[in-house]
N, C-alpha and C. Protein backbone atom coordinates (compact mmCIF):
# COMPACT_ATOMS: atom_id res chain seq x y z
N MET A 1 150.92 64.49 67.77
CA MET A 1 151.58 62.79 69.15
C MET A 1 152.73 62.57 68.84
N PHE A 2 153.92 63.06 68.28
CA PHE A 2 155.40 62.37 68.74
C PHE A 2 156.01 64.01 69.93
N GLU A 3 155.31 64.66 69.93
CA GLU A 3 155.64 65.32 70.51
C GLU A 3 155.20 64.85 72.72
N GLU A 4 154.05 64.54 72.25
CA GLU A 4 153.84 64.08 73.52
C GLU A 4 154.45 63.03 74.24
N ILE A 5 154.57 61.73 72.86
CA ILE A 5 155.70 61.00 73.34
C ILE A 5 156.71 61.38 73.92
N ALA A 6 157.61 62.52 73.24
CA ALA A 6 159.29 62.12 73.84
C ALA A 6 158.65 63.45 74.99
N ALA A 7 157.40 63.99 74.80
CA ALA A 7 158.14 64.17 76.85
C ALA A 7 157.25 63.50 77.71
N ALA A 8 157.60 61.42 77.72
CA ALA A 8 157.31 60.99 77.90
C ALA A 8 158.53 60.74 79.11
N GLY A 9 158.96 61.16 78.38
CA GLY A 9 161.06 61.51 79.07
C GLY A 9 161.25 62.22 79.51
N GLU A 10 160.95 62.36 80.96
CA GLU A 10 160.78 63.51 81.44
C GLU A 10 161.96 64.06 81.38
N ASN A 11 163.10 63.83 80.89
CA ASN A 11 164.34 65.07 81.10
C ASN A 11 165.67 63.93 80.63
N ALA A 12 166.35 64.70 80.49
CA ALA A 12 167.99 64.10 79.02
C ALA A 12 167.75 62.89 79.91
N ALA A 13 168.50 62.91 81.16
CA ALA A 13 168.87 61.49 81.83
C ALA A 13 167.99 60.04 81.39
N ASP A 14 166.64 60.61 81.59
CA ASP A 14 165.81 60.01 81.82
C ASP A 14 165.89 59.12 80.18
N ARG A 15 166.02 59.98 79.44
CA ARG A 15 165.63 59.22 77.99
C ARG A 15 166.79 58.86 77.68
N ASN A 16 168.35 58.05 78.38
CA ASN A 16 169.09 57.03 78.45
C ASN A 16 169.16 56.23 78.89
N LEU A 17 167.83 55.91 79.54
CA LEU A 17 167.48 54.79 80.48
C LEU A 17 166.08 54.15 80.30
N ALA A 18 166.49 52.51 80.27
CA ALA A 18 165.43 51.95 79.66
C ALA A 18 163.97 51.75 80.51
N SER A 19 164.24 52.67 81.37
CA SER A 19 162.79 52.95 82.22
C SER A 19 162.10 54.51 80.74
N GLY A 20 162.86 54.78 81.07
CA GLY A 20 162.92 56.29 79.68
C GLY A 20 161.59 55.54 78.16
N THR A 21 162.53 54.95 78.41
CA THR A 21 162.21 53.96 76.53
C THR A 21 160.96 53.66 76.87
N VAL A 22 160.89 52.15 77.89
CA VAL A 22 160.01 51.88 78.38
C VAL A 22 158.56 53.04 78.29
N ARG A 23 158.66 54.12 78.92
CA ARG A 23 157.44 55.01 79.31
C ARG A 23 157.07 56.00 78.26
N ARG A 24 157.95 56.19 77.00
CA ARG A 24 157.69 56.91 75.53
C ARG A 24 156.80 55.04 74.71
N ILE A 25 157.09 54.24 74.96
CA ILE A 25 156.87 52.71 74.48
C ILE A 25 155.60 52.95 74.88
N ALA A 26 155.04 53.00 76.24
CA ALA A 26 153.35 53.20 76.77
C ALA A 26 153.17 53.97 76.11
N ALA A 27 153.08 55.45 75.91
CA ALA A 27 152.76 56.64 76.17
C ALA A 27 151.83 56.09 74.16
N TYR A 28 153.68 55.98 73.47
CA TYR A 28 152.74 55.67 72.07
C TYR A 28 151.38 54.48 72.15
N PHE A 29 151.86 53.54 72.50
CA PHE A 29 150.71 52.12 72.49
C PHE A 29 149.29 52.76 72.68
N ASN A 30 149.01 54.20 74.05
CA ASN A 30 147.88 54.21 74.72
C ASN A 30 147.99 55.28 73.81
N GLU A 31 148.57 55.84 72.65
CA GLU A 31 147.92 56.22 71.95
C GLU A 31 147.24 56.56 70.46
N VAL A 32 147.94 55.13 70.26
CA VAL A 32 147.30 54.14 69.29
C VAL A 32 146.03 53.39 69.25
N MET A 33 146.42 52.67 70.59
CA MET A 33 144.70 52.88 71.51
C MET A 33 143.44 53.12 71.85
N SER A 34 143.89 54.35 72.10
CA SER A 34 143.07 55.57 71.41
C SER A 34 141.95 55.33 70.05
N GLU A 35 142.63 54.90 69.38
CA GLU A 35 141.94 55.31 68.28
C GLU A 35 141.73 53.93 67.46
N VAL A 36 141.69 52.56 68.39
CA VAL A 36 141.11 51.01 67.61
C VAL A 36 139.75 51.02 67.75
N GLY A 37 139.54 51.20 67.06
CA GLY A 37 137.52 50.35 66.73
C GLY A 37 137.37 50.07 66.93
N GLU A 38 135.88 50.24 66.63
CA GLU A 38 134.90 48.56 66.84
C GLU A 38 134.97 48.29 65.93
N GLY A 39 135.31 46.16 66.13
CA GLY A 39 135.40 45.18 65.12
C GLY A 39 137.31 45.94 64.58
N GLU A 40 138.12 46.36 65.63
CA GLU A 40 139.70 46.13 65.30
C GLU A 40 139.95 45.63 66.57
N GLU A 41 141.48 45.47 66.63
CA GLU A 41 142.11 45.09 67.14
C GLU A 41 143.88 45.15 66.76
N LEU A 42 144.53 45.00 67.59
CA LEU A 42 145.80 46.15 68.28
C LEU A 42 146.72 44.39 68.27
N SER A 43 147.77 44.05 67.42
CA SER A 43 149.06 43.66 67.75
C SER A 43 150.16 44.04 68.31
N ILE A 44 150.56 43.77 69.04
CA ILE A 44 151.87 44.20 68.91
C ILE A 44 152.89 43.28 69.14
N GLU A 45 154.42 43.33 68.87
CA GLU A 45 155.47 41.71 69.12
C GLU A 45 156.43 42.44 68.51
N ALA A 46 157.49 41.94 69.46
CA ALA A 46 158.72 42.30 69.51
C ALA A 46 159.46 41.02 69.12
N ILE A 47 160.42 42.02 68.24
CA ILE A 47 161.31 41.11 67.03
C ILE A 47 162.87 40.62 67.42
N LEU A 48 163.11 39.79 68.07
CA LEU A 48 164.26 39.30 68.28
C LEU A 48 165.24 39.32 67.43
N LEU A 49 166.46 39.17 68.30
CA LEU A 49 167.98 39.38 66.74
C LEU A 49 167.57 38.61 66.15
N ASP A 50 166.95 36.94 65.99
CA ASP A 50 167.51 36.42 64.91
C ASP A 50 165.79 35.95 64.02
N GLY A 51 164.48 37.06 64.32
CA GLY A 51 164.31 37.23 63.63
C GLY A 51 162.25 36.86 64.14
N ASP A 52 162.71 35.89 65.43
CA ASP A 52 161.95 35.81 65.94
C ASP A 52 160.78 36.41 65.50
N ARG A 53 159.28 36.50 66.95
CA ARG A 53 158.73 37.70 67.05
C ARG A 53 158.29 36.92 68.02
N ILE A 54 157.65 37.96 69.95
CA ILE A 54 156.94 37.10 70.59
C ILE A 54 155.77 38.37 70.79
N ARG A 55 154.61 37.78 70.84
CA ARG A 55 153.58 38.60 70.99
C ARG A 55 153.50 38.95 72.75
N VAL A 56 153.09 40.78 73.25
CA VAL A 56 153.99 41.45 73.51
C VAL A 56 152.67 41.01 74.51
N SER A 57 153.27 40.80 76.03
CA SER A 57 152.16 40.90 77.18
C SER A 57 152.00 41.88 78.32
N TYR A 58 153.51 42.13 78.11
CA TYR A 58 153.92 43.44 79.57
C TYR A 58 155.36 43.76 78.74
N LEU A 59 155.99 44.81 78.94
CA LEU A 59 157.27 44.99 79.17
C LEU A 59 157.28 46.05 80.51
N GLY A 60 158.71 45.55 80.64
CA GLY A 60 159.74 46.41 82.32
C GLY A 60 160.34 46.72 81.46
N PHE A 61 161.44 47.00 83.21
CA PHE A 61 163.04 47.42 82.52
C PHE A 61 163.59 46.74 84.05
N HIS A 62 164.77 47.24 83.66
CA HIS A 62 165.25 47.23 85.10
C HIS A 62 166.94 48.50 85.03
N ASP A 63 166.92 49.35 84.93
CA ASP A 63 167.75 50.43 84.66
C ASP A 63 169.15 50.08 85.02
N PRO A 64 170.36 49.94 84.20
CA PRO A 64 169.90 51.39 83.11
C PRO A 64 169.53 51.25 82.05
N ASN A 65 169.99 49.99 81.33
CA ASN A 65 169.88 49.52 79.52
C ASN A 65 169.27 48.53 79.75
N LEU A 66 167.96 47.42 80.35
CA LEU A 66 167.53 46.36 80.10
C LEU A 66 165.96 46.20 80.39
N ILE A 67 164.81 46.10 79.60
CA ILE A 67 164.21 45.74 78.98
C ILE A 67 163.57 44.73 78.85
N LEU A 68 162.46 44.25 79.58
CA LEU A 68 161.88 42.71 79.91
C LEU A 68 160.36 42.69 79.43
N VAL A 69 161.24 41.79 78.21
CA VAL A 69 159.67 41.45 76.97
C VAL A 69 158.92 41.00 78.32
N GLN A 70 157.64 39.62 78.38
CA GLN A 70 156.99 39.25 78.34
C GLN A 70 155.97 38.67 77.81
N GLY A 71 155.59 37.33 77.30
CA GLY A 71 154.72 37.81 76.00
C GLY A 71 154.85 35.98 75.66
N HIS A 72 153.68 35.40 74.51
CA HIS A 72 154.17 34.63 74.12
C HIS A 72 155.06 34.31 72.57
N ASP A 73 155.58 33.77 72.32
CA ASP A 73 155.70 33.07 71.24
C ASP A 73 155.23 32.24 69.99
N ARG A 74 155.23 32.06 69.05
CA ARG A 74 154.83 32.03 67.18
C ARG A 74 154.13 30.39 68.47
N ASN A 75 154.34 29.52 69.26
CA ASN A 75 153.97 28.42 69.67
C ASN A 75 153.08 28.09 70.62
N ASP A 76 152.61 29.11 70.80
CA ASP A 76 152.44 30.25 72.13
C ASP A 76 152.53 29.89 73.42
N LYS A 77 154.03 29.60 73.71
CA LYS A 77 154.70 29.43 74.88
C LYS A 77 155.26 30.49 75.53
N LYS A 78 154.86 30.31 76.74
CA LYS A 78 155.27 32.14 77.86
C LYS A 78 156.76 32.48 77.39
N VAL A 79 157.08 33.28 77.27
CA VAL A 79 159.11 33.52 77.41
C VAL A 79 158.97 34.55 78.06
N ASP A 80 159.97 35.11 78.30
CA ASP A 80 160.65 36.38 78.69
C ASP A 80 162.09 36.12 78.46
N VAL A 81 162.01 37.81 77.64
CA VAL A 81 163.90 37.79 77.09
C VAL A 81 163.76 39.66 77.95
N MET A 82 165.46 39.31 78.05
CA MET A 82 165.69 40.44 79.02
C MET A 82 166.71 40.95 77.40
N MET A 83 166.33 42.35 76.99
CA MET A 83 167.16 42.95 76.47
C MET A 83 167.69 44.45 76.22
N HIS A 84 168.51 44.98 75.88
CA HIS A 84 169.02 46.36 75.56
C HIS A 84 167.90 47.63 75.24
N HIS A 85 168.30 48.25 75.73
CA HIS A 85 166.85 49.37 75.54
C HIS A 85 167.33 50.02 73.90
N HIS A 86 168.54 49.39 73.37
CA HIS A 86 168.32 49.76 72.61
C HIS A 86 168.73 49.39 71.13
N HIS A 87 168.35 47.94 70.98
CA HIS A 87 168.18 46.95 70.46
C HIS A 87 166.48 47.14 70.33
N ILE A 88 165.24 47.19 71.03
CA ILE A 88 164.49 47.10 71.09
C ILE A 88 163.23 47.49 69.80
N GLN A 89 162.49 46.47 68.68
CA GLN A 89 161.71 46.57 68.12
C GLN A 89 160.57 46.21 68.01
N LEU A 90 159.59 47.15 68.06
CA LEU A 90 157.96 46.39 68.06
C LEU A 90 157.52 46.24 66.80
N PHE A 91 156.59 45.67 66.67
CA PHE A 91 156.11 45.55 65.19
C PHE A 91 154.33 45.87 65.86
N ILE A 92 153.47 46.67 65.61
CA ILE A 92 152.53 47.24 65.76
C ILE A 92 151.93 47.38 64.42
N GLN A 93 150.62 46.50 64.90
CA GLN A 93 149.61 46.38 63.50
C GLN A 93 148.42 46.09 64.26
N MET A 94 147.29 47.37 63.66
CA MET A 94 145.73 47.05 63.67
C MET A 94 145.24 46.76 62.58
N SER A 95 144.41 45.28 62.80
CA SER A 95 143.68 44.71 62.69
C SER A 95 142.57 44.55 62.44
N LYS A 96 142.00 44.16 61.02
CA LYS A 96 139.81 44.31 61.40
C LYS A 96 139.96 42.54 62.52
N SER A 97 139.27 42.58 63.41
CA SER A 97 138.93 42.02 64.57
C SER A 97 138.19 40.44 63.61
N THR A 98 138.58 38.83 64.01
CA THR A 98 137.92 38.13 63.59
C THR A 98 137.41 37.49 64.71
N THR A 99 137.25 37.51 65.60
CA THR A 99 136.60 37.07 66.81
C THR A 99 136.11 37.91 67.26
N GLU A 100 135.68 37.74 68.61
CA GLU A 100 134.93 37.87 69.71
C GLU A 100 135.53 38.81 71.53
N LYS A 101 136.71 38.33 70.31
CA LYS A 101 137.07 38.73 72.00
C LYS A 101 138.05 39.86 72.00
N PRO A 102 138.02 40.31 73.32
CA PRO A 102 137.97 41.40 74.10
C PRO A 102 139.68 42.22 73.87
N LYS A 103 139.22 43.98 73.39
CA LYS A 103 140.80 43.89 73.44
C LYS A 103 141.87 43.67 73.93
N MET A 104 143.21 43.81 73.19
CA MET A 104 144.63 42.87 73.69
C MET A 104 144.99 44.19 74.20
N GLN A 105 145.31 43.32 75.94
CA GLN A 105 146.27 44.78 76.34
C GLN A 105 147.49 44.17 76.50
N VAL A 106 148.40 45.34 77.14
CA VAL A 106 149.56 45.08 77.29
C VAL A 106 150.08 46.02 78.56
N GLY A 107 150.87 45.26 79.46
CA GLY A 107 151.13 46.04 80.62
C GLY A 107 152.23 46.92 80.86
N PHE A 108 152.75 47.73 81.80
CA PHE A 108 153.75 48.53 81.78
C PHE A 108 154.40 48.96 82.63
N GLN A 109 155.94 48.77 83.10
CA GLN A 109 156.07 49.22 84.76
C GLN A 109 156.12 49.94 84.93
N LYS A 110 156.08 50.57 85.39
CA LYS A 110 155.57 52.49 86.00
C LYS A 110 156.99 52.47 86.60
């Protein structure tokens, strides 16, 4: 699995750009989503420098080094955060679904 994710950063220069980081995250996320079974759900949260978390709904980039994280904070308020691509930390968790809601969708800039 990690070989395909590494290949998502197509060349050496791309690996040092925020766009390459987002492409590798998208490849990993899509791989994990393919393993989500019936009755399971996947959550992805960005961990901020102060320890707060954002439920991610979209990851974008502004090369050379900024990643845009859009989502909702713990109070369910919509938030946008720009962070350096070297500092992004994501918490991805699969758990049993407690509701009949559809599987989580995350958008990625291409």
